[in-house]
Amino acid sequence: METLTLTTPALLFSAVSLILLAYTNRFLGYAALVRQLYEKLKANPDQVLLDQIMNLRKRLYLIKNMQLLGVASLMFCVLSMLLIYIEVFMPAAYAFGLGLLLLIISLLLSGWEIKISVKALDLHLNDMENFNEKNNQ
């Protein structure tokens, strides 16, 4: 392995920051959706809404873990930079590697969350198709 310099872990700062911003935007969108679904459920409870709520609960759990792993990744990158600064290179390399691993896991969870989001949209599409079939009969 080549020598790890301060700039190597610093390169991840912008990437991790943008990922955390995207995760936060997803979370805020889901928070608004939870409020909308709550009002709809109070007005007219049905199975599609209950399925959406269950789906949303999974997605919120995944987003929380994605954010925590992203923050931990950033912290290990900072730790790596500190260790490089005080010239403790082997632990710095391990800290950087752990930061990368946490980032990879966070991205994998993001892919899983996207898959679940598509399932939620499928619920809406199926409901719209059923509504359309009922109206055309």
C-alpha atoms as a PDB file:
ATOM      1  CA  MET A   1       0.000   0.000   0.000  1.00  0.00           C
ATOM      2  CA  GLU A   2       1.224   3.467  -0.801  1.00  0.00           C
ATOM      3  CA  THR A   3       1.689   5.953   2.002  1.00  0.00           C
ATOM      4  CA  LEU A   4      -1.565   7.305   3.368  1.00  0.00           C
ATOM      5  CA  THR A   5      -1.565  11.115   3.381  1.00  0.00           C
ATOM      6  CA  LEU A   6      -3.913  13.648   4.933  1.00  0.00           C
ATOM      7  CA  THR A   7      -5.547  14.283   1.573  1.00  0.00           C
ATOM      8  CA  THR A   8      -6.657  10.668   1.097  1.00  0.00           C
ATOM      9  CA  PRO A   9      -9.305  10.579   3.866  1.00  0.00           C
ATOM     10  CA  ALA A  10     -10.119  14.231   3.182  1.00  0.00           C
ATOM     11  CA  LEU A  11     -11.313  13.234  -0.295  1.00  0.00           C
ATOM     12  CA  LEU A  12     -14.250  11.420   1.282  1.00  0.00           C
ATOM     13  CA  PHE A  13     -15.496  14.501   3.133  1.00  0.00           C
ATOM     14  CA  SER A  14     -17.416  15.971   0.218  1.00  0.00           C
ATOM     15  CA  ALA A  15     -18.781  12.585  -0.888  1.00  0.00           C
ATOM     16  CA  VAL A  16     -19.971  11.609   2.593  1.00  0.00           C
ATOM     17  CA  SER A  17     -21.373  15.093   3.204  1.00  0.00           C
ATOM     18  CA  LEU A  18     -23.417  14.931  -0.002  1.00  0.00           C
ATOM     19  CA  ILE A  19     -24.648  11.447   0.842  1.00  0.00           C
ATOM     20  CA  LEU A  20     -25.702  12.588   4.317  1.00  0.00           C
ATOM     21  CA  LEU A  21     -27.510  15.551   2.760  1.00  0.00           C
ATOM     22  CA  ALA A  22     -29.359  13.209   0.389  1.00  0.00           C
ATOM     23  CA  TYR A  23     -30.272  10.920   3.295  1.00  0.00           C
ATOM     24  CA  THR A  24     -31.544  13.895   5.297  1.00  0.00           C
ATOM     25  CA  ASN A  25     -33.671  15.069   2.361  1.00  0.00           C
ATOM     26  CA  ARG A  26     -35.180  11.584   2.091  1.00  0.00           C
ATOM     27  CA  PHE A  27     -35.893  11.597   5.809  1.00  0.00           C
ATOM     28  CA  LEU A  28     -37.618  14.993   5.627  1.00  0.00           C
ATOM     29  CA  GLY A  29     -39.707  13.794   2.680  1.00  0.00           C
ATOM     30  CA  TYR A  30     -40.742  10.721   4.618  1.00  0.00           C
ATOM     31  CA  ALA A  31     -41.597  12.801   7.680  1.00  0.00           C
ATOM     32  CA  ALA A  32     -43.992  14.875   5.561  1.00  0.00           C
ATOM     33  CA  LEU A  33     -45.432  11.691   4.080  1.00  0.00           C
ATOM     34  CA  VAL A  34     -46.026  10.231   7.554  1.00  0.00           C
ATOM     35  CA  ARG A  35     -48.038  13.308   8.483  1.00  0.00           C
ATOM     36  CA  GLN A  36     -50.096  13.068   5.277  1.00  0.00           C
ATOM     37  CA  LEU A  37     -50.755   9.367   5.737  1.00  0.00           C
ATOM     38  CA  TYR A  38     -51.808   9.954   9.338  1.00  0.00           C
ATOM     39  CA  GLU A  39     -54.424  12.486   8.248  1.00  0.00           C
ATOM     40  CA  LYS A  40     -55.654  10.209   5.448  1.00  0.00           C
ATOM     41  CA  LEU A  41     -55.838   7.229   7.784  1.00  0.00           C
ATOM     42  CA  LYS A  42     -57.903   9.198  10.310  1.00  0.00           C
ATOM     43  CA  ALA A  43     -60.295  10.305   7.571  1.00  0.00           C
ATOM     44  CA  ASN A  44     -60.591   6.998   5.710  1.00  0.00           C
ATOM     45  CA  PRO A  45     -58.735   3.939   7.016  1.00  0.00           C
ATOM     46  CA  ASP A  46     -58.033   1.264   4.415  1.00  0.00           C
ATOM     47  CA  GLN A  47     -55.583  -1.565   3.814  1.00  0.00           C
ATOM     48  CA  VAL A  48     -53.504   0.306   1.222  1.00  0.00           C
ATOM     49  CA  LEU A  49     -52.771   3.056   3.735  1.00  0.00           C
ATOM     50  CA  LEU A  50     -51.856   0.502   6.383  1.00  0.00           C
ATOM     51  CA  ASP A  51     -49.511  -1.209   3.906  1.00  0.00           C
ATOM     52  CA  GLN A  52     -47.948   2.164   3.085  1.00  0.00           C
ATOM     53  CA  ILE A  53     -47.414   2.872   6.774  1.00  0.00           C
ATOM     54  CA  MET A  54     -45.696  -0.482   7.311  1.00  0.00           C
ATOM     55  CA  ASN A  55     -43.522   0.146   4.267  1.00  0.00           C
ATOM     56  CA  LEU A  56     -42.663   3.629   5.479  1.00  0.00           C
ATOM     57  CA  ARG A  57     -41.667   2.343   8.909  1.00  0.00           C
ATOM     58  CA  LYS A  58     -39.082   0.031   7.275  1.00  0.00           C
ATOM     59  CA  ARG A  59     -37.768   2.866   5.133  1.00  0.00           C
ATOM     60  CA  LEU A  60     -37.411   5.208   8.117  1.00  0.00           C
ATOM     61  CA  TYR A  61     -35.504   2.527  10.030  1.00  0.00           C
ATOM     62  CA  LEU A  62     -33.160   2.050   7.076  1.00  0.00           C
ATOM     63  CA  ILE A  63     -32.640   5.812   6.667  1.00  0.00           C
ATOM     64  CA  LYS A  64     -31.736   6.107  10.344  1.00  0.00           C
ATOM     65  CA  ASN A  65     -29.131   3.374   9.974  1.00  0.00           C
ATOM     66  CA  MET A  66     -27.851   4.835   6.705  1.00  0.00           C
ATOM     67  CA  GLN A  67     -27.339   8.188   8.420  1.00  0.00           C
ATOM     68  CA  LEU A  68     -25.640   6.653  11.467  1.00  0.00           C
ATOM     69  CA  LEU A  69     -23.265   4.639   9.292  1.00  0.00           C
ATOM     70  CA  GLY A  70     -22.509   7.715   7.166  1.00  0.00           C
ATOM     71  CA  VAL A  71     -21.706   9.765  10.270  1.00  0.00           C
ATOM     72  CA  ALA A  72     -19.540   6.953  11.650  1.00  0.00           C
ATOM     73  CA  SER A  73     -17.736   6.761   8.308  1.00  0.00           C
ATOM     74  CA  LEU A  74     -16.986  10.469   8.455  1.00  0.00           C
ATOM     75  CA  MET A  75     -15.788  10.169  12.050  1.00  0.00           C
ATOM     76  CA  PHE A  76     -13.356   7.379  11.134  1.00  0.00           C
ATOM     77  CA  CYS A  77     -12.041   9.482   8.262  1.00  0.00           C
ATOM     78  CA  VAL A  78     -11.400  12.337  10.705  1.00  0.00           C
ATOM     79  CA  LEU A  79      -9.780   9.911  13.138  1.00  0.00           C
ATOM     80  CA  SER A  80      -7.613   8.643  10.309  1.00  0.00           C
ATOM     81  CA  MET A  81      -6.518  12.199   9.514  1.00  0.00           C
ATOM     82  CA  LEU A  82      -5.697  12.822  13.174  1.00  0.00           C
ATOM     83  CA  LEU A  83      -3.631   9.648  13.346  1.00  0.00           C
ATOM     84  CA  ILE A  84      -1.800  10.568  10.147  1.00  0.00           C
ATOM     85  CA  TYR A  85      -1.137  14.036  11.588  1.00  0.00           C
ATOM     86  CA  ILE A  86       0.466  12.557  14.716  1.00  0.00           C
ATOM     87  CA  GLU A  87       2.288  10.049  12.493  1.00  0.00           C
ATOM     88  CA  VAL A  88       0.655   6.842  13.702  1.00  0.00           C
ATOM     89  CA  PHE A  89       0.256   5.365  10.245  1.00  0.00           C
ATOM     90  CA  MET A  90      -0.899   1.769  10.720  1.00  0.00           C
ATOM     91  CA  PRO A  91      -3.885   2.622  12.975  1.00  0.00           C
ATOM     92  CA  ALA A  92      -4.634   5.500  10.578  1.00  0.00           C
ATOM     93  CA  ALA A  93      -4.864   3.044   7.690  1.00  0.00           C
ATOM     94  CA  TYR A  94      -7.189   0.785   9.694  1.00  0.00           C
ATOM     95  CA  ALA A  95      -9.382   3.736  10.701  1.00  0.00           C
ATOM     96  CA  PHE A  96      -9.591   4.835   7.070  1.00  0.00           C
ATOM     97  CA  GLY A  97     -10.423   1.296   5.964  1.00  0.00           C
ATOM     98  CA  LEU A  98     -13.152   1.046   8.585  1.00  0.00           C
ATOM     99  CA  GLY A  99     -14.551   4.381   7.414  1.00  0.00           C
ATOM    100  CA  LEU A 100     -14.690   3.058   3.864  1.00  0.00           C
ATOM    101  CA  LEU A 101     -16.375  -0.150   5.007  1.00  0.00           C
ATOM    102  CA  LEU A 102     -19.030   1.797   6.927  1.00  0.00           C
ATOM    103  CA  LEU A 103     -19.653   3.948   3.858  1.00  0.00           C
ATOM    104  CA  ILE A 104     -20.097   0.831   1.718  1.00  0.00           C
ATOM    105  CA  ILE A 105     -22.616  -0.611   4.195  1.00  0.00           C
ATOM    106  CA  SER A 106     -24.475   2.702   4.249  1.00  0.00           C
ATOM    107  CA  LEU A 107     -24.687   2.670   0.450  1.00  0.00           C
ATOM    108  CA  LEU A 108     -25.914  -0.935   0.447  1.00  0.00           C
ATOM    109  CA  LEU A 109     -28.669   0.034   2.887  1.00  0.00           C
ATOM    110  CA  SER A 110     -29.510   2.905   0.560  1.00  0.00           C
ATOM    111  CA  GLY A 111     -29.979   0.453  -2.293  1.00  0.00           C
ATOM    112  CA  TRP A 112     -32.232  -1.688  -0.094  1.00  0.00           C
ATOM    113  CA  GLU A 113     -34.246   1.377   0.874  1.00  0.00           C
ATOM    114  CA  ILE A 114     -34.685   2.288  -2.798  1.00  0.00           C
ATOM    115  CA  LYS A 115     -35.994  -1.227  -3.462  1.00  0.00           C
ATOM    116  CA  ILE A 116     -38.549  -0.821  -0.669  1.00  0.00           C
ATOM    117  CA  SER A 117     -39.519   2.621  -2.011  1.00  0.00           C
ATOM    118  CA  VAL A 118     -40.298   1.080  -5.384  1.00  0.00           C
ATOM    119  CA  LYS A 119     -42.507  -1.459  -3.605  1.00  0.00           C
ATOM    120  CA  ALA A 120     -44.403   1.444  -2.020  1.00  0.00           C
ATOM    121  CA  LEU A 121     -44.954   3.018  -5.432  1.00  0.00           C
ATOM    122  CA  ASP A 122     -46.182  -0.355  -6.701  1.00  0.00           C
ATOM    123  CA  LEU A 123     -48.831  -0.304  -3.959  1.00  0.00           C
ATOM    124  CA  HIS A 124     -50.040   3.065  -5.273  1.00  0.00           C
ATOM    125  CA  LEU A 125     -49.997   1.902  -8.881  1.00  0.00           C
ATOM    126  CA  ASN A 126     -51.938  -1.253  -8.041  1.00  0.00           C
ATOM    127  CA  ASP A 127     -54.483   0.790  -6.103  1.00  0.00           C
ATOM    128  CA  MET A 128     -54.881   3.183  -9.055  1.00  0.00           C
ATOM    129  CA  GLU A 129     -55.310   0.259 -11.475  1.00  0.00           C
ATOM    130  CA  ASN A 130     -57.942  -1.304  -9.210  1.00  0.00           C
ATOM    131  CA  PHE A 131     -59.733   2.049  -8.902  1.00  0.00           C
ATOM    132  CA  ASN A 132     -59.679   2.475 -12.679  1.00  0.00           C
ATOM    133  CA  GLU A 133     -61.033  -1.044 -13.263  1.00  0.00           C
ATOM    134  CA  LYS A 134     -63.877  -0.448 -10.779  1.00  0.00           C
ATOM    135  CA  ASN A 135     -64.829   2.826 -12.498  1.00  0.00           C
ATOM    136  CA  ASN A 136     -64.763   1.286 -15.997  1.00  0.00           C
ATOM    137  CA  GLN A 137     -67.177  -1.534 -15.098  1.00  0.00           C
END
